Amino acid sequence: MDDFRIDPPLVVKDSPKPRRLASLAQARAFIDDEMRLGRPPPWREMYHRLTAVRTEDEATEAIGALRELLELEELLVPPNLPLNTHHNS
């Protein structure tokens, strides 16, 4: 399942530049790197969830949960919207 594609890819705040997560393997590597920083329990849970994926449904659910965690932690870089779809109302 390592080659399971994340579509659209997740772009996360990272140093020295944003990091693009386009596959399950890249998401696992990112979480592994973050765990070395001493992240709190939700990150450990996410790590175990991503490493336990065995089916496409599990991968889809785990990626959705990762997206939610990144949004909560304000680590998700918002996608660039085309100018014609951006409204100021």
C-alpha atoms as a PDB file:
ATOM      1  CA  MET A   1       0.000   0.000   0.000  1.00  0.00           C
ATOM      2  CA  ASP A   2       3.051   2.304   0.119  1.00  0.00           C
ATOM      3  CA  ASP A   3       2.319   3.505  -3.409  1.00  0.00           C
ATOM      4  CA  PHE A   4      -1.272   4.512  -2.525  1.00  0.00           C
ATOM      5  CA  ARG A   5      -1.657   7.974  -4.064  1.00  0.00           C
ATOM      6  CA  ILE A   6      -2.865  10.977  -2.107  1.00  0.00           C
ATOM      7  CA  ASP A   7      -4.976  13.028  -4.488  1.00  0.00           C
ATOM      8  CA  PRO A   8      -4.732  15.915  -4.192  1.00  0.00           C
ATOM      9  CA  PRO A   9      -1.364  15.728  -2.451  1.00  0.00           C
ATOM     10  CA  LEU A  10      -1.064  17.224   1.020  1.00  0.00           C
ATOM     11  CA  VAL A  11       1.371  20.115   1.307  1.00  0.00           C
ATOM     12  CA  VAL A  12       2.631  20.634   4.841  1.00  0.00           C
ATOM     13  CA  LYS A  13       4.662  23.348   6.484  1.00  0.00           C
ATOM     14  CA  ASP A  14       8.190  22.055   6.896  1.00  0.00           C
ATOM     15  CA  SER A  15      11.679  23.478   7.048  1.00  0.00           C
ATOM     16  CA  PRO A  16      13.405  24.678   4.927  1.00  0.00           C
ATOM     17  CA  LYS A  17      10.406  24.560   2.546  1.00  0.00           C
ATOM     18  CA  PRO A  18       6.899  23.038   2.391  1.00  0.00           C
ATOM     19  CA  ARG A  19       6.797  19.268   2.000  1.00  0.00           C
ATOM     20  CA  ARG A  20       4.537  17.555  -0.525  1.00  0.00           C
ATOM     21  CA  LEU A  21       2.940  14.258   0.536  1.00  0.00           C
ATOM     22  CA  ALA A  22       1.702  12.461  -2.570  1.00  0.00           C
ATOM     23  CA  SER A  23       1.737   8.837  -1.374  1.00  0.00           C
ATOM     24  CA  LEU A  24       1.105   6.784   1.718  1.00  0.00           C
ATOM     25  CA  ALA A  25       4.853   6.111   1.983  1.00  0.00           C
ATOM     26  CA  GLN A  26       5.598   9.855   1.981  1.00  0.00           C
ATOM     27  CA  ALA A  27       2.917  10.442   4.638  1.00  0.00           C
ATOM     28  CA  ARG A  28       4.433   7.712   6.823  1.00  0.00           C
ATOM     29  CA  ALA A  29       7.923   9.196   6.394  1.00  0.00           C
ATOM     30  CA  PHE A  30       6.640  12.657   7.376  1.00  0.00           C
ATOM     31  CA  ILE A  31       4.896  11.344  10.504  1.00  0.00           C
ATOM     32  CA  ASP A  32       8.016   9.326  11.373  1.00  0.00           C
ATOM     33  CA  ASP A  33      10.110  12.507  11.142  1.00  0.00           C
ATOM     34  CA  GLU A  34       7.580  14.414  13.246  1.00  0.00           C
ATOM     35  CA  MET A  35       7.563  11.689  15.912  1.00  0.00           C
ATOM     36  CA  ARG A  36      11.299  12.306  16.409  1.00  0.00           C
ATOM     37  CA  LEU A  37      10.353  15.837  17.503  1.00  0.00           C
ATOM     38  CA  GLY A  38       8.327  14.413  20.393  1.00  0.00           C
ATOM     39  CA  ARG A  39       4.802  15.005  19.132  1.00  0.00           C
ATOM     40  CA  PRO A  40       1.788  14.458  21.463  1.00  0.00           C
ATOM     41  CA  PRO A  41      -0.452  11.337  21.568  1.00  0.00           C
ATOM     42  CA  PRO A  42      -2.591  12.153  18.472  1.00  0.00           C
ATOM     43  CA  TRP A  43       0.576  11.997  16.373  1.00  0.00           C
ATOM     44  CA  ARG A  44       1.525   8.611  17.834  1.00  0.00           C
ATOM     45  CA  GLU A  45      -1.981   7.375  17.041  1.00  0.00           C
ATOM     46  CA  MET A  46      -1.619   8.657  13.472  1.00  0.00           C
ATOM     47  CA  TYR A  47       1.751   6.934  13.160  1.00  0.00           C
ATOM     48  CA  HIS A  48       0.242   3.592  14.196  1.00  0.00           C
ATOM     49  CA  ARG A  49      -2.766   4.109  11.944  1.00  0.00           C
ATOM     50  CA  LEU A  50      -0.608   4.823   8.878  1.00  0.00           C
ATOM     51  CA  THR A  51       1.672   1.860   9.530  1.00  0.00           C
ATOM     52  CA  ALA A  52      -1.304  -0.494   9.987  1.00  0.00           C
ATOM     53  CA  VAL A  53      -2.928   0.273   6.602  1.00  0.00           C
ATOM     54  CA  ARG A  54      -3.634  -2.899   4.620  1.00  0.00           C
ATOM     55  CA  THR A  55      -6.490  -1.922   2.270  1.00  0.00           C
ATOM     56  CA  GLU A  56      -7.431   1.018   0.053  1.00  0.00           C
ATOM     57  CA  ASP A  57     -10.337   1.861   2.373  1.00  0.00           C
ATOM     58  CA  GLU A  58      -7.987   1.974   5.375  1.00  0.00           C
ATOM     59  CA  ALA A  59      -5.566   4.147   3.385  1.00  0.00           C
ATOM     60  CA  THR A  60      -8.329   6.569   2.397  1.00  0.00           C
ATOM     61  CA  GLU A  61      -9.553   6.841   5.992  1.00  0.00           C
ATOM     62  CA  ALA A  62      -6.025   7.262   7.392  1.00  0.00           C
ATOM     63  CA  ILE A  63      -5.187   9.999   4.875  1.00  0.00           C
ATOM     64  CA  GLY A  64      -8.440  11.781   5.756  1.00  0.00           C
ATOM     65  CA  ALA A  65      -7.524  11.610   9.447  1.00  0.00           C
ATOM     66  CA  LEU A  66      -4.029  12.886   8.662  1.00  0.00           C
ATOM     67  CA  ARG A  67      -5.509  15.825   6.756  1.00  0.00           C
ATOM     68  CA  GLU A  68      -7.698  16.661   9.787  1.00  0.00           C
ATOM     69  CA  LEU A  69      -4.721  16.443  12.172  1.00  0.00           C
ATOM     70  CA  LEU A  70      -2.630  18.711   9.958  1.00  0.00           C
ATOM     71  CA  GLU A  71      -5.497  21.222   9.757  1.00  0.00           C
ATOM     72  CA  LEU A  72      -5.911  21.208  13.559  1.00  0.00           C
ATOM     73  CA  GLU A  73      -2.174  21.754  14.014  1.00  0.00           C
ATOM     74  CA  GLU A  74      -2.236  24.495  11.328  1.00  0.00           C
ATOM     75  CA  LEU A  75       0.427  22.642   9.362  1.00  0.00           C
ATOM     76  CA  LEU A  76      -1.510  22.223   6.132  1.00  0.00           C
ATOM     77  CA  VAL A  77      -0.587  24.657   3.370  1.00  0.00           C
ATOM     78  CA  PRO A  78      -3.820  25.711   1.649  1.00  0.00           C
ATOM     79  CA  PRO A  79      -3.937  24.998  -2.095  1.00  0.00           C
ATOM     80  CA  ASN A  80      -3.578  27.932  -4.433  1.00  0.00           C
ATOM     81  CA  LEU A  81      -6.996  28.692  -5.828  1.00  0.00           C
ATOM     82  CA  PRO A  82      -7.363  29.977  -9.390  1.00  0.00           C
ATOM     83  CA  LEU A  83      -8.302  33.648  -9.396  1.00  0.00           C
ATOM     84  CA  ASN A  84     -11.626  33.030 -11.138  1.00  0.00           C
ATOM     85  CA  THR A  85     -12.889  30.796  -8.308  1.00  0.00           C
ATOM     86  CA  HIS A  86     -11.886  33.106  -5.455  1.00  0.00           C
ATOM     87  CA  HIS A  87     -14.695  35.353  -4.248  1.00  0.00           C
ATOM     88  CA  ASN A  88     -14.419  38.167  -1.701  1.00  0.00           C
ATOM     89  CA  SER A  89     -18.019  38.037  -0.509  1.00  0.00           C
END
